N, C-alpha and C. Protein backbone atom coordinates (compact mmCIF):
# COMPACT_ATOMS: atom_id res chain seq x y z
N MET A 1 24.05 42.77 -13.04
CA MET A 1 24.57 42.18 -14.34
C MET A 1 24.37 40.62 -14.24
N SER A 2 23.83 40.16 -15.37
CA SER A 2 23.44 38.71 -15.54
C SER A 2 24.73 37.90 -15.56
N ILE A 3 24.68 36.64 -15.09
CA ILE A 3 25.79 35.68 -15.18
C ILE A 3 25.45 34.81 -16.48
N ARG A 4 26.39 34.82 -17.32
CA ARG A 4 26.21 34.08 -18.69
C ARG A 4 26.76 32.65 -18.49
N VAL A 5 25.81 31.75 -18.90
CA VAL A 5 26.28 30.31 -18.66
C VAL A 5 26.17 29.55 -19.95
N LEU A 6 27.09 28.66 -20.21
CA LEU A 6 27.17 27.74 -21.31
C LEU A 6 26.96 26.29 -20.70
N ILE A 7 26.16 25.58 -21.34
CA ILE A 7 25.78 24.09 -20.91
C ILE A 7 26.46 23.10 -21.95
N ALA A 8 27.39 22.28 -21.49
CA ALA A 8 27.96 21.21 -22.36
C ALA A 8 27.62 19.88 -21.87
N ASP A 9 26.75 19.18 -22.61
CA ASP A 9 26.49 17.79 -22.09
C ASP A 9 25.88 17.10 -23.38
N ASP A 10 26.22 15.80 -23.58
CA ASP A 10 25.73 15.14 -24.79
C ASP A 10 24.33 14.62 -24.76
N GLN A 11 23.73 14.77 -23.69
CA GLN A 11 22.34 14.41 -23.47
C GLN A 11 21.44 15.59 -23.59
N GLU A 12 20.53 15.63 -24.70
CA GLU A 12 19.69 16.74 -24.78
C GLU A 12 18.72 17.02 -23.63
N MET A 13 18.35 15.96 -23.05
CA MET A 13 17.36 16.04 -21.90
C MET A 13 18.05 16.80 -20.84
N VAL A 14 19.37 16.55 -20.58
CA VAL A 14 20.02 17.15 -19.52
C VAL A 14 20.17 18.64 -19.73
N ARG A 15 20.58 18.90 -21.05
CA ARG A 15 20.84 20.34 -21.34
C ARG A 15 19.59 21.11 -21.25
N THR A 16 18.42 20.47 -21.63
CA THR A 16 17.11 21.16 -21.60
C THR A 16 16.74 21.38 -20.11
N GLY A 17 16.86 20.44 -19.29
CA GLY A 17 16.56 20.53 -17.82
C GLY A 17 17.40 21.55 -17.13
N PHE A 18 18.66 21.60 -17.36
CA PHE A 18 19.55 22.67 -16.79
C PHE A 18 19.17 24.04 -17.32
N ARG A 19 18.89 24.09 -18.65
CA ARG A 19 18.43 25.34 -19.14
C ARG A 19 17.18 25.99 -18.49
N MET A 20 16.24 25.09 -18.30
CA MET A 20 14.95 25.51 -17.59
C MET A 20 15.16 26.03 -16.18
N ILE A 21 16.03 25.25 -15.51
CA ILE A 21 16.43 25.58 -14.03
C ILE A 21 17.12 26.96 -14.08
N LEU A 22 18.10 27.10 -14.82
CA LEU A 22 18.76 28.40 -14.88
C LEU A 22 18.01 29.54 -15.34
N ALA A 23 17.16 29.35 -16.37
CA ALA A 23 16.38 30.37 -16.92
C ALA A 23 15.32 30.99 -15.89
N SER A 24 15.02 30.22 -14.99
CA SER A 24 14.05 30.74 -13.94
C SER A 24 14.56 31.77 -12.93
N GLU A 25 16.05 31.84 -12.98
CA GLU A 25 16.62 32.74 -12.02
C GLU A 25 16.86 34.10 -12.80
N PRO A 26 16.57 35.21 -12.12
CA PRO A 26 16.67 36.57 -12.77
C PRO A 26 17.99 36.89 -13.09
N ASP A 27 19.00 36.45 -12.39
CA ASP A 27 20.45 36.88 -12.62
C ASP A 27 21.29 35.87 -13.50
N LEU A 28 20.49 34.88 -14.07
CA LEU A 28 21.30 33.85 -14.77
C LEU A 28 20.75 33.85 -16.25
N VAL A 29 21.64 33.73 -17.23
CA VAL A 29 21.17 33.58 -18.60
C VAL A 29 21.95 32.61 -19.34
N VAL A 30 21.30 31.68 -19.94
CA VAL A 30 21.92 30.50 -20.76
C VAL A 30 22.24 31.16 -22.13
N VAL A 31 23.56 31.32 -22.59
CA VAL A 31 23.86 31.85 -23.76
C VAL A 31 24.17 30.85 -24.85
N GLY A 32 24.17 29.66 -24.44
CA GLY A 32 24.28 28.55 -25.48
C GLY A 32 24.60 27.26 -25.00
N ASP A 33 24.65 26.15 -25.85
CA ASP A 33 24.82 24.82 -25.37
C ASP A 33 25.73 24.09 -26.33
N ALA A 34 26.21 22.89 -25.91
CA ALA A 34 27.10 22.13 -26.81
C ALA A 34 26.85 20.69 -26.42
N LYS A 35 26.98 19.77 -27.45
CA LYS A 35 26.83 18.35 -27.26
C LYS A 35 28.07 17.49 -27.12
N ASP A 36 29.26 18.22 -27.34
CA ASP A 36 30.46 17.50 -27.30
C ASP A 36 31.63 18.59 -26.92
N GLY A 37 32.78 18.01 -26.56
CA GLY A 37 33.88 18.92 -26.13
C GLY A 37 34.35 19.95 -27.19
N ALA A 38 34.37 19.47 -28.46
CA ALA A 38 34.83 20.41 -29.44
C ALA A 38 33.76 21.65 -29.60
N GLU A 39 32.49 21.18 -29.63
CA GLU A 39 31.46 22.27 -29.70
C GLU A 39 31.58 23.18 -28.45
N ALA A 40 31.80 22.67 -27.27
CA ALA A 40 31.97 23.45 -26.05
C ALA A 40 33.09 24.51 -26.10
N VAL A 41 34.20 24.05 -26.74
CA VAL A 41 35.44 25.01 -26.88
C VAL A 41 34.98 26.09 -27.90
N ALA A 42 34.45 25.80 -29.00
CA ALA A 42 34.01 26.79 -30.00
C ALA A 42 32.90 27.70 -29.40
N ALA A 43 31.90 27.08 -28.69
CA ALA A 43 30.81 27.92 -28.09
C ALA A 43 31.35 28.93 -27.05
N ALA A 44 32.29 28.48 -26.26
CA ALA A 44 32.90 29.29 -25.18
C ALA A 44 33.56 30.49 -25.78
N ALA A 45 34.25 30.26 -26.94
CA ALA A 45 34.97 31.40 -27.66
C ALA A 45 33.93 32.29 -28.30
N ARG A 46 32.86 31.75 -28.79
CA ARG A 46 31.85 32.56 -29.48
C ARG A 46 30.99 33.39 -28.56
N HIS A 47 30.55 32.66 -27.42
CA HIS A 47 29.59 33.32 -26.58
C HIS A 47 30.20 34.09 -25.30
N ARG A 48 31.51 33.70 -25.12
CA ARG A 48 32.13 34.33 -23.92
C ARG A 48 31.29 34.32 -22.65
N PRO A 49 30.90 33.00 -22.23
CA PRO A 49 30.19 32.95 -20.95
C PRO A 49 31.05 33.21 -19.77
N ASP A 50 30.37 33.34 -18.61
CA ASP A 50 31.06 33.50 -17.29
C ASP A 50 31.40 32.20 -16.71
N VAL A 51 30.38 31.09 -17.03
CA VAL A 51 30.58 29.91 -16.38
C VAL A 51 30.21 28.80 -17.47
N VAL A 52 30.95 27.76 -17.48
CA VAL A 52 30.67 26.59 -18.37
C VAL A 52 30.31 25.45 -17.42
N LEU A 53 29.10 24.87 -17.57
CA LEU A 53 28.77 23.49 -16.94
C LEU A 53 29.20 22.43 -17.92
N MET A 54 30.27 21.71 -17.51
CA MET A 54 30.82 20.71 -18.37
C MET A 54 30.78 19.25 -18.00
N ASP A 55 30.02 18.49 -18.92
CA ASP A 55 30.00 17.13 -18.73
C ASP A 55 31.36 16.56 -18.97
N ILE A 56 31.69 15.38 -18.40
CA ILE A 56 32.92 14.73 -18.66
C ILE A 56 32.89 13.88 -19.83
N ARG A 57 31.94 12.86 -19.90
CA ARG A 57 31.83 11.88 -21.02
C ARG A 57 31.01 12.37 -22.07
N MET A 58 31.77 12.84 -23.19
CA MET A 58 31.11 13.27 -24.40
C MET A 58 31.78 12.92 -25.55
N PRO A 59 31.21 12.71 -26.78
CA PRO A 59 31.77 12.20 -27.92
C PRO A 59 32.74 13.26 -28.61
N ILE A 60 33.48 12.78 -29.55
CA ILE A 60 34.39 13.68 -30.35
C ILE A 60 35.52 14.10 -29.48
N GLN A 61 35.32 15.01 -28.64
CA GLN A 61 36.22 15.45 -27.72
C GLN A 61 35.55 15.48 -26.31
N ASP A 62 36.13 14.82 -25.25
CA ASP A 62 35.45 14.86 -23.97
C ASP A 62 35.56 16.13 -23.19
N GLY A 63 34.99 16.12 -22.02
CA GLY A 63 34.93 17.34 -21.16
C GLY A 63 36.29 17.61 -20.63
N LEU A 64 37.16 16.57 -20.43
CA LEU A 64 38.57 16.90 -19.93
C LEU A 64 39.29 17.72 -20.91
N TRP A 65 39.31 17.23 -22.14
CA TRP A 65 40.00 18.02 -23.21
C TRP A 65 39.49 19.45 -23.34
N ALA A 66 38.13 19.56 -23.37
CA ALA A 66 37.55 20.82 -23.45
C ALA A 66 37.91 21.79 -22.33
N THR A 67 37.97 21.17 -21.05
CA THR A 67 38.29 22.08 -19.95
C THR A 67 39.65 22.60 -20.05
N ARG A 68 40.60 21.74 -20.41
CA ARG A 68 42.02 22.23 -20.71
C ARG A 68 42.03 23.23 -21.63
N GLU A 69 41.44 23.11 -22.80
CA GLU A 69 41.38 24.21 -23.85
C GLU A 69 40.75 25.48 -23.34
N ILE A 70 39.59 25.38 -22.70
CA ILE A 70 38.96 26.65 -22.18
C ILE A 70 39.73 27.35 -21.10
N CYS A 71 40.25 26.47 -20.11
CA CYS A 71 40.99 27.18 -19.04
C CYS A 71 42.38 27.71 -19.47
N ALA A 72 42.88 27.24 -20.51
CA ALA A 72 44.13 27.72 -20.99
C ALA A 72 44.00 29.09 -21.70
N ALA A 73 42.92 29.51 -21.90
CA ALA A 73 42.70 30.86 -22.64
C ALA A 73 42.73 31.86 -21.66
N ALA A 74 43.13 32.96 -21.94
CA ALA A 74 43.32 34.26 -21.11
C ALA A 74 41.88 34.78 -20.85
N ASP A 75 41.59 35.03 -19.60
CA ASP A 75 40.37 35.65 -19.14
C ASP A 75 39.12 34.50 -19.61
N GLY A 76 39.42 33.32 -19.55
CA GLY A 76 38.36 32.34 -19.84
C GLY A 76 37.35 32.21 -18.75
N PRO A 77 36.26 31.51 -18.96
CA PRO A 77 35.26 31.30 -18.01
C PRO A 77 35.61 30.31 -16.97
N ALA A 78 34.82 30.45 -15.84
CA ALA A 78 35.14 29.34 -14.90
C ALA A 78 34.28 28.03 -15.34
N VAL A 79 34.93 26.96 -15.07
CA VAL A 79 34.36 25.61 -15.53
C VAL A 79 33.90 24.89 -14.35
N VAL A 80 32.61 24.34 -14.28
CA VAL A 80 32.16 23.46 -13.27
C VAL A 80 31.95 22.19 -13.98
N ILE A 81 32.49 21.06 -13.40
CA ILE A 81 32.52 19.72 -13.97
C ILE A 81 31.20 19.09 -13.49
N LEU A 82 30.44 18.49 -14.46
CA LEU A 82 29.16 17.81 -14.07
C LEU A 82 29.62 16.34 -14.10
N THR A 83 29.40 15.64 -12.94
CA THR A 83 30.01 14.26 -12.81
C THR A 83 28.93 13.35 -12.11
N THR A 84 29.38 12.12 -12.17
CA THR A 84 28.78 11.02 -11.40
C THR A 84 29.86 10.51 -10.63
N PHE A 85 29.64 9.64 -9.65
CA PHE A 85 30.61 9.01 -8.72
C PHE A 85 31.65 8.16 -9.59
N ASP A 86 31.19 7.73 -10.89
CA ASP A 86 32.01 6.86 -11.60
C ASP A 86 33.18 7.48 -12.29
N ASP A 87 33.26 8.91 -12.20
CA ASP A 87 34.14 9.64 -13.03
C ASP A 87 35.40 10.20 -12.20
N ASP A 88 35.67 9.53 -11.09
CA ASP A 88 36.68 10.12 -10.27
C ASP A 88 38.01 10.58 -10.89
N ALA A 89 38.67 9.60 -11.68
CA ALA A 89 39.88 10.04 -12.25
C ALA A 89 39.73 11.20 -13.24
N TYR A 90 38.65 11.15 -14.00
CA TYR A 90 38.35 12.31 -14.96
C TYR A 90 38.21 13.58 -14.19
N VAL A 91 37.53 13.57 -13.08
CA VAL A 91 37.26 14.71 -12.44
C VAL A 91 38.58 15.33 -11.92
N TYR A 92 39.48 14.49 -11.36
CA TYR A 92 40.80 14.99 -10.81
C TYR A 92 41.44 15.63 -12.10
N GLY A 93 41.52 14.98 -13.20
CA GLY A 93 42.06 15.63 -14.39
C GLY A 93 41.65 17.01 -14.74
N ALA A 94 40.34 17.06 -14.62
CA ALA A 94 39.67 18.34 -14.97
C ALA A 94 40.05 19.47 -13.91
N LEU A 95 40.06 19.07 -12.71
CA LEU A 95 40.37 20.08 -11.64
C LEU A 95 41.83 20.52 -11.90
N ALA A 96 42.75 19.52 -12.17
CA ALA A 96 44.05 19.92 -12.29
C ALA A 96 44.26 20.76 -13.61
N ALA A 97 43.40 20.56 -14.53
CA ALA A 97 43.53 21.36 -15.79
C ALA A 97 42.92 22.78 -15.49
N GLY A 98 42.27 23.02 -14.45
CA GLY A 98 41.85 24.43 -14.22
C GLY A 98 40.52 24.61 -13.86
N ALA A 99 39.66 23.54 -13.82
CA ALA A 99 38.24 23.66 -13.55
C ALA A 99 38.06 24.20 -12.06
N SER A 100 36.98 24.91 -11.75
CA SER A 100 36.89 25.61 -10.53
C SER A 100 36.05 24.73 -9.57
N GLY A 101 35.72 23.55 -9.95
CA GLY A 101 34.99 22.63 -9.11
C GLY A 101 34.12 21.60 -9.84
N PHE A 102 33.31 20.93 -9.16
CA PHE A 102 32.44 19.96 -9.72
C PHE A 102 31.06 19.80 -8.95
N LEU A 103 30.17 19.27 -9.74
CA LEU A 103 28.83 19.17 -9.18
C LEU A 103 28.26 17.73 -9.68
N LEU A 104 27.66 17.12 -8.77
CA LEU A 104 27.04 15.76 -9.09
C LEU A 104 25.79 15.99 -9.98
N LYS A 105 25.56 15.20 -10.93
CA LYS A 105 24.57 15.41 -11.87
C LYS A 105 23.09 15.42 -11.33
N ASP A 106 23.09 14.71 -10.23
CA ASP A 106 21.69 14.56 -9.50
C ASP A 106 21.66 15.49 -8.39
N ALA A 107 22.41 16.50 -8.39
CA ALA A 107 22.25 17.49 -7.31
C ALA A 107 20.95 18.29 -7.42
N PRO A 108 20.39 18.78 -6.37
CA PRO A 108 19.11 19.52 -6.42
C PRO A 108 19.28 20.69 -7.20
N ALA A 109 18.24 21.31 -7.67
CA ALA A 109 18.35 22.58 -8.62
C ALA A 109 18.90 23.66 -7.89
N ASP A 110 18.71 23.78 -6.55
CA ASP A 110 19.18 24.97 -5.77
C ASP A 110 20.73 24.85 -5.75
N GLU A 111 21.29 23.62 -5.73
CA GLU A 111 22.74 23.46 -5.77
C GLU A 111 23.38 23.95 -7.02
N LEU A 112 22.66 23.53 -8.13
CA LEU A 112 23.13 23.88 -9.44
C LEU A 112 23.19 25.42 -9.50
N VAL A 113 22.12 26.04 -9.10
CA VAL A 113 22.12 27.55 -9.21
C VAL A 113 23.18 28.17 -8.38
N SER A 114 23.38 27.61 -7.10
CA SER A 114 24.33 28.14 -6.21
C SER A 114 25.79 28.01 -6.76
N ALA A 115 26.07 26.80 -7.37
CA ALA A 115 27.44 26.55 -7.91
C ALA A 115 27.66 27.53 -8.97
N VAL A 116 26.71 27.93 -9.86
CA VAL A 116 26.98 28.89 -10.94
C VAL A 116 27.33 30.21 -10.29
N ARG A 117 26.60 30.55 -9.32
CA ARG A 117 26.80 31.98 -8.73
C ARG A 117 28.27 31.92 -7.97
N VAL A 118 28.57 30.87 -7.28
CA VAL A 118 29.74 30.81 -6.53
C VAL A 118 30.97 30.88 -7.49
N VAL A 119 31.10 30.14 -8.48
CA VAL A 119 32.29 30.08 -9.41
C VAL A 119 32.27 31.51 -10.17
N ALA A 120 31.07 32.06 -10.56
CA ALA A 120 31.03 33.33 -11.18
C ALA A 120 31.63 34.39 -10.41
N ASN A 121 31.48 34.24 -9.11
CA ASN A 121 32.13 35.26 -8.19
C ASN A 121 33.60 35.00 -7.91
N GLY A 122 34.21 34.05 -8.64
CA GLY A 122 35.58 33.80 -8.43
C GLY A 122 36.04 32.81 -7.37
N ALA A 123 35.09 32.25 -6.74
CA ALA A 123 35.38 31.25 -5.66
C ALA A 123 35.39 29.83 -6.30
N ALA A 124 35.91 28.85 -5.51
CA ALA A 124 35.91 27.50 -5.90
C ALA A 124 34.76 26.71 -5.28
N LEU A 125 34.25 25.81 -6.03
CA LEU A 125 33.12 24.95 -5.56
C LEU A 125 33.58 23.68 -5.00
N LEU A 126 33.69 23.44 -3.65
CA LEU A 126 34.27 22.28 -2.98
C LEU A 126 33.28 21.68 -2.24
N ALA A 127 32.72 20.49 -2.72
CA ALA A 127 31.69 19.73 -1.95
C ALA A 127 32.48 18.74 -1.03
N PRO A 128 32.55 18.96 0.23
CA PRO A 128 33.50 18.21 1.13
C PRO A 128 33.26 16.68 0.91
N ALA A 129 32.10 16.10 0.90
CA ALA A 129 31.94 14.69 0.84
C ALA A 129 32.44 14.06 -0.41
N VAL A 130 32.46 14.82 -1.44
CA VAL A 130 32.91 14.34 -2.84
C VAL A 130 34.34 14.77 -3.01
N THR A 131 34.72 15.99 -2.59
CA THR A 131 36.05 16.40 -3.02
C THR A 131 37.15 15.58 -2.44
N ARG A 132 36.99 15.19 -1.12
CA ARG A 132 38.13 14.42 -0.43
C ARG A 132 38.17 13.02 -1.20
N ARG A 133 37.07 12.39 -1.42
CA ARG A 133 37.03 11.06 -2.12
C ARG A 133 37.65 11.15 -3.47
N VAL A 134 37.40 12.16 -4.23
CA VAL A 134 37.90 12.23 -5.64
C VAL A 134 39.38 12.54 -5.69
N ILE A 135 39.92 13.52 -4.81
CA ILE A 135 41.27 13.90 -5.00
C ILE A 135 42.11 12.92 -4.18
N ASP A 136 41.54 12.33 -3.07
CA ASP A 136 42.28 11.35 -2.38
C ASP A 136 42.61 10.09 -3.28
N ARG A 137 41.66 9.63 -3.95
CA ARG A 137 41.87 8.43 -4.77
C ARG A 137 42.84 8.80 -6.02
N ALA A 138 42.74 10.05 -6.51
CA ALA A 138 43.43 10.25 -7.69
C ALA A 138 44.93 10.74 -7.47
N THR A 139 45.19 11.17 -6.20
CA THR A 139 46.51 11.69 -5.93
C THR A 139 47.41 10.78 -5.06
N ARG A 140 46.71 9.81 -4.39
CA ARG A 140 47.53 8.99 -3.44
C ARG A 140 48.80 8.50 -3.92
N HIS A 141 48.96 8.04 -5.11
CA HIS A 141 50.23 7.49 -5.76
C HIS A 141 50.93 8.37 -6.74
N ARG A 142 50.59 9.63 -6.64
CA ARG A 142 51.31 10.58 -7.57
C ARG A 142 52.58 11.14 -7.00
N ALA A 143 53.61 11.29 -7.90
CA ALA A 143 54.79 11.96 -7.46
C ALA A 143 54.53 13.38 -7.20
N ALA A 144 55.13 14.00 -6.12
CA ALA A 144 54.68 15.39 -5.72
C ALA A 144 55.94 16.20 -5.28
N THR A 145 57.09 16.07 -5.92
CA THR A 145 58.25 16.83 -5.46
C THR A 145 58.01 18.34 -5.43
N ASP A 146 57.46 18.89 -6.56
CA ASP A 146 57.17 20.33 -6.62
C ASP A 146 56.26 20.70 -5.55
N ASP A 147 55.23 19.95 -5.39
CA ASP A 147 54.18 20.24 -4.39
C ASP A 147 54.70 20.27 -3.04
N THR A 148 55.48 19.18 -2.70
CA THR A 148 56.09 19.08 -1.38
C THR A 148 57.01 20.39 -0.99
N ALA A 149 57.77 20.78 -2.07
CA ALA A 149 58.59 21.99 -1.89
C ALA A 149 57.68 23.17 -1.73
N ALA A 150 56.65 23.29 -2.35
CA ALA A 150 55.71 24.47 -2.12
C ALA A 150 55.11 24.55 -0.87
N VAL A 151 54.66 23.37 -0.34
CA VAL A 151 54.00 23.27 0.98
C VAL A 151 54.98 23.62 2.01
N SER A 152 56.24 23.28 1.83
CA SER A 152 57.27 23.55 2.90
C SER A 152 57.60 25.05 3.11
N ARG A 153 57.07 25.86 2.13
CA ARG A 153 57.21 27.25 2.35
C ARG A 153 56.19 27.92 3.21
N LEU A 154 55.20 27.08 3.63
CA LEU A 154 54.13 27.66 4.49
C LEU A 154 54.51 27.56 5.95
N SER A 155 53.99 28.47 6.74
CA SER A 155 54.20 28.51 8.15
C SER A 155 53.31 27.34 8.81
N ASN A 156 53.51 27.03 10.05
CA ASN A 156 52.86 26.00 10.75
C ASN A 156 51.30 26.25 10.70
N ARG A 157 50.95 27.55 10.90
CA ARG A 157 49.46 27.87 10.87
C ARG A 157 48.92 27.86 9.53
N GLU A 158 49.60 28.17 8.57
CA GLU A 158 49.16 28.11 7.09
C GLU A 158 49.05 26.68 6.70
N ARG A 159 49.92 25.75 7.17
CA ARG A 159 49.77 24.42 6.81
C ARG A 159 48.43 23.89 7.39
N GLU A 160 48.27 24.35 8.70
CA GLU A 160 47.07 23.85 9.40
C GLU A 160 45.87 24.39 8.70
N VAL A 161 45.77 25.51 8.23
CA VAL A 161 44.70 26.15 7.46
C VAL A 161 44.46 25.32 6.07
N LEU A 162 45.61 24.97 5.48
CA LEU A 162 45.42 24.25 4.33
C LEU A 162 44.95 22.80 4.49
N ARG A 163 45.35 22.17 5.62
CA ARG A 163 44.76 20.85 5.89
C ARG A 163 43.22 20.88 6.11
N LEU A 164 42.84 21.96 6.75
CA LEU A 164 41.38 22.21 7.07
C LEU A 164 40.62 22.54 5.67
N MET A 165 41.39 23.20 4.83
CA MET A 165 40.71 23.49 3.53
C MET A 165 40.59 22.09 2.72
N ALA A 166 41.55 21.21 2.81
CA ALA A 166 41.44 19.88 2.13
C ALA A 166 40.30 19.08 2.81
N ASP A 167 39.94 19.35 4.07
CA ASP A 167 38.87 18.73 4.62
C ASP A 167 37.50 19.25 4.08
N GLY A 168 37.57 20.27 3.32
CA GLY A 168 36.29 20.98 2.73
C GLY A 168 35.77 22.02 3.64
N LEU A 169 36.42 22.53 4.67
CA LEU A 169 35.82 23.48 5.53
C LEU A 169 35.94 24.90 4.88
N SER A 170 34.77 25.65 5.10
CA SER A 170 34.68 27.01 4.71
C SER A 170 35.53 27.95 5.63
N ASN A 171 35.79 29.11 5.30
CA ASN A 171 36.54 30.13 6.21
C ASN A 171 35.85 30.24 7.45
N ALA A 172 34.56 30.27 7.52
CA ALA A 172 33.90 30.36 8.81
C ALA A 172 34.05 29.18 9.59
N GLU A 173 34.06 27.98 9.04
CA GLU A 173 34.30 26.71 9.84
C GLU A 173 35.76 26.65 10.26
N ILE A 174 36.61 27.06 9.45
CA ILE A 174 38.12 27.11 9.83
C ILE A 174 38.28 27.97 11.02
N ALA A 175 37.72 29.15 11.05
CA ALA A 175 37.75 30.03 12.12
C ALA A 175 37.28 29.48 13.46
N ARG A 176 36.21 28.90 13.37
CA ARG A 176 35.60 28.21 14.55
C ARG A 176 36.52 27.17 15.09
N THR A 177 37.04 26.40 14.13
CA THR A 177 37.97 25.23 14.52
C THR A 177 39.20 25.79 15.25
N LEU A 178 39.82 26.86 14.64
CA LEU A 178 41.11 27.38 15.18
C LEU A 178 40.76 28.44 16.34
N VAL A 179 39.56 28.68 16.43
CA VAL A 179 39.18 29.75 17.38
C VAL A 179 39.89 31.17 17.22
N VAL A 180 39.76 31.49 15.99
CA VAL A 180 40.25 32.85 15.49
C VAL A 180 39.14 33.55 14.69
N GLY A 181 39.44 34.78 14.29
CA GLY A 181 38.42 35.50 13.59
C GLY A 181 38.42 35.08 12.05
N GLU A 182 37.19 35.31 11.41
CA GLU A 182 37.22 34.87 9.99
C GLU A 182 38.16 35.84 9.17
N ALA A 183 38.26 37.04 9.57
CA ALA A 183 39.35 37.90 8.85
C ALA A 183 40.62 37.37 8.83
N THR A 184 41.05 36.73 9.99
CA THR A 184 42.47 36.15 10.13
C THR A 184 42.54 35.01 9.27
N VAL A 185 41.47 34.20 9.16
CA VAL A 185 41.50 33.08 8.32
C VAL A 185 41.65 33.41 6.77
N LYS A 186 40.85 34.45 6.44
CA LYS A 186 40.94 35.01 5.10
C LYS A 186 42.38 35.33 4.74
N THR A 187 43.07 35.95 5.74
CA THR A 187 44.49 36.36 5.48
C THR A 187 45.39 35.28 5.24
N HIS A 188 45.20 34.12 6.13
CA HIS A 188 46.00 32.92 6.08
C HIS A 188 45.80 32.26 4.65
N VAL A 189 44.41 32.11 4.18
CA VAL A 189 44.22 31.54 3.00
C VAL A 189 44.82 32.27 1.78
N ALA A 190 44.80 33.60 1.81
CA ALA A 190 45.35 34.42 0.79
C ALA A 190 46.99 34.18 0.74
N ARG A 191 47.49 34.04 1.86
CA ARG A 191 48.92 33.80 1.93
C ARG A 191 49.26 32.32 1.32
N VAL A 192 48.47 31.43 1.79
CA VAL A 192 48.61 30.03 1.27
C VAL A 192 48.59 29.98 -0.23
N LEU A 193 47.51 30.69 -0.89
CA LEU A 193 47.35 30.68 -2.34
C LEU A 193 48.56 31.40 -2.95
N GLN A 194 49.10 32.49 -2.29
CA GLN A 194 50.26 33.15 -2.79
C GLN A 194 51.44 32.34 -2.77
N LYS A 195 51.71 31.74 -1.68
CA LYS A 195 52.94 31.01 -1.48
C LYS A 195 52.99 29.67 -2.31
N LEU A 196 51.91 28.97 -2.60
CA LEU A 196 51.98 27.73 -3.24
C LEU A 196 52.68 27.71 -4.61
N PRO A 197 52.36 28.50 -5.53
CA PRO A 197 51.17 29.38 -5.76
C PRO A 197 50.01 28.61 -6.32
N ALA A 198 48.87 29.06 -5.97
CA ALA A 198 47.60 28.33 -6.40
C ALA A 198 46.55 29.44 -6.89
N ARG A 199 45.95 29.10 -7.96
CA ARG A 199 44.94 30.11 -8.51
C ARG A 199 43.69 30.24 -7.56
N ASP A 200 43.34 29.19 -6.98
CA ASP A 200 42.07 29.16 -6.13
C ASP A 200 42.15 28.14 -5.09
N ARG A 201 41.12 27.86 -4.37
CA ARG A 201 41.14 26.86 -3.16
C ARG A 201 41.11 25.42 -3.83
N VAL A 202 40.57 25.25 -4.98
CA VAL A 202 40.66 23.88 -5.50
C VAL A 202 42.08 23.57 -5.82
N GLN A 203 42.94 24.47 -6.42
CA GLN A 203 44.23 24.08 -6.79
C GLN A 203 45.11 23.93 -5.48
N ALA A 204 44.78 24.77 -4.37
CA ALA A 204 45.35 24.59 -3.18
C ALA A 204 45.11 23.22 -2.50
N VAL A 205 43.93 22.72 -2.58
CA VAL A 205 43.61 21.40 -2.04
C VAL A 205 44.33 20.28 -2.87
N ILE A 206 44.27 20.42 -4.24
CA ILE A 206 45.07 19.47 -4.95
C ILE A 206 46.46 19.33 -4.43
N THR A 207 47.08 20.54 -4.31
CA THR A 207 48.54 20.57 -3.81
C THR A 207 48.59 19.88 -2.49
N ALA A 208 47.67 20.09 -1.51
CA ALA A 208 47.78 19.45 -0.15
C ALA A 208 47.66 17.98 -0.31
N PHE A 209 46.93 17.43 -1.30
CA PHE A 209 46.85 15.90 -1.45
C PHE A 209 48.10 15.45 -2.08
N ARG A 210 48.54 16.14 -3.14
CA ARG A 210 49.74 15.56 -3.88
C ARG A 210 50.93 15.73 -3.12
N SER A 211 51.09 16.62 -2.18
CA SER A 211 52.23 16.68 -1.28
C SER A 211 52.22 15.79 -0.08
N GLY A 212 51.06 15.16 0.13
CA GLY A 212 50.99 14.34 1.29
C GLY A 212 50.44 15.06 2.53
N LEU A 213 50.34 16.42 2.63
CA LEU A 213 49.95 17.22 3.69
C LEU A 213 48.62 16.76 4.12
N ALA A 214 47.67 16.41 3.31
CA ALA A 214 46.38 16.18 3.75
C ALA A 214 46.32 14.81 4.55
N TYR A 215 47.33 13.92 4.40
CA TYR A 215 47.36 12.69 5.01
C TYR A 215 48.13 12.77 6.36
N GLU A 216 48.80 13.82 6.61
CA GLU A 216 49.58 13.98 7.93
C GLU A 216 48.65 13.94 9.13
N PRO A 217 49.08 13.20 10.22
CA PRO A 217 48.27 13.12 11.38
C PRO A 217 48.14 14.59 12.00
N ARG A 218 46.93 14.86 12.54
CA ARG A 218 46.67 16.19 13.24
C ARG A 218 47.46 16.26 14.43
């Protein structure tokens, strides 16, 4: 079954380039595009894509507003934010609104394709080098009473797993770090998401930063 993709970006050249990259993959199909946030919301409702590639800075309504609207809908698509390093605060807002991750606009073509497949399969897209920088800056001074209470419900091992998730480690990397099996890590991650509660790894990592857990000494 093909993965249906909607591209939202105010630059026609960017939309065309992404469309060409995605169209070359047999399992991906671009069902539409949009040049502003309002068009993106309407197009998402009309075309019902599996994934939306969403630019942040667009006219009329920006990508942050559009992400909130799209993610608020039941059974809505996964949203991947297209960003530059200058968009830190906007990216955090989009992730908090429900986006499944973000991708730098100058990322290689294979990373774009991989990102679409990852979020279409229900996983979160966490690029370690960028994720920590973005969420760290955006959350360091935020009040986090609810998040602290949620994290307090975790066991010591679950807190350790969440800290490693905040460092951007995959399940396999966490397993090697803790010297346990990957199946054990998957169980811990599932319990972390359930207890927080968090929809996916991105939301769990945001909670880790807002609660201050990600800053605790190892």
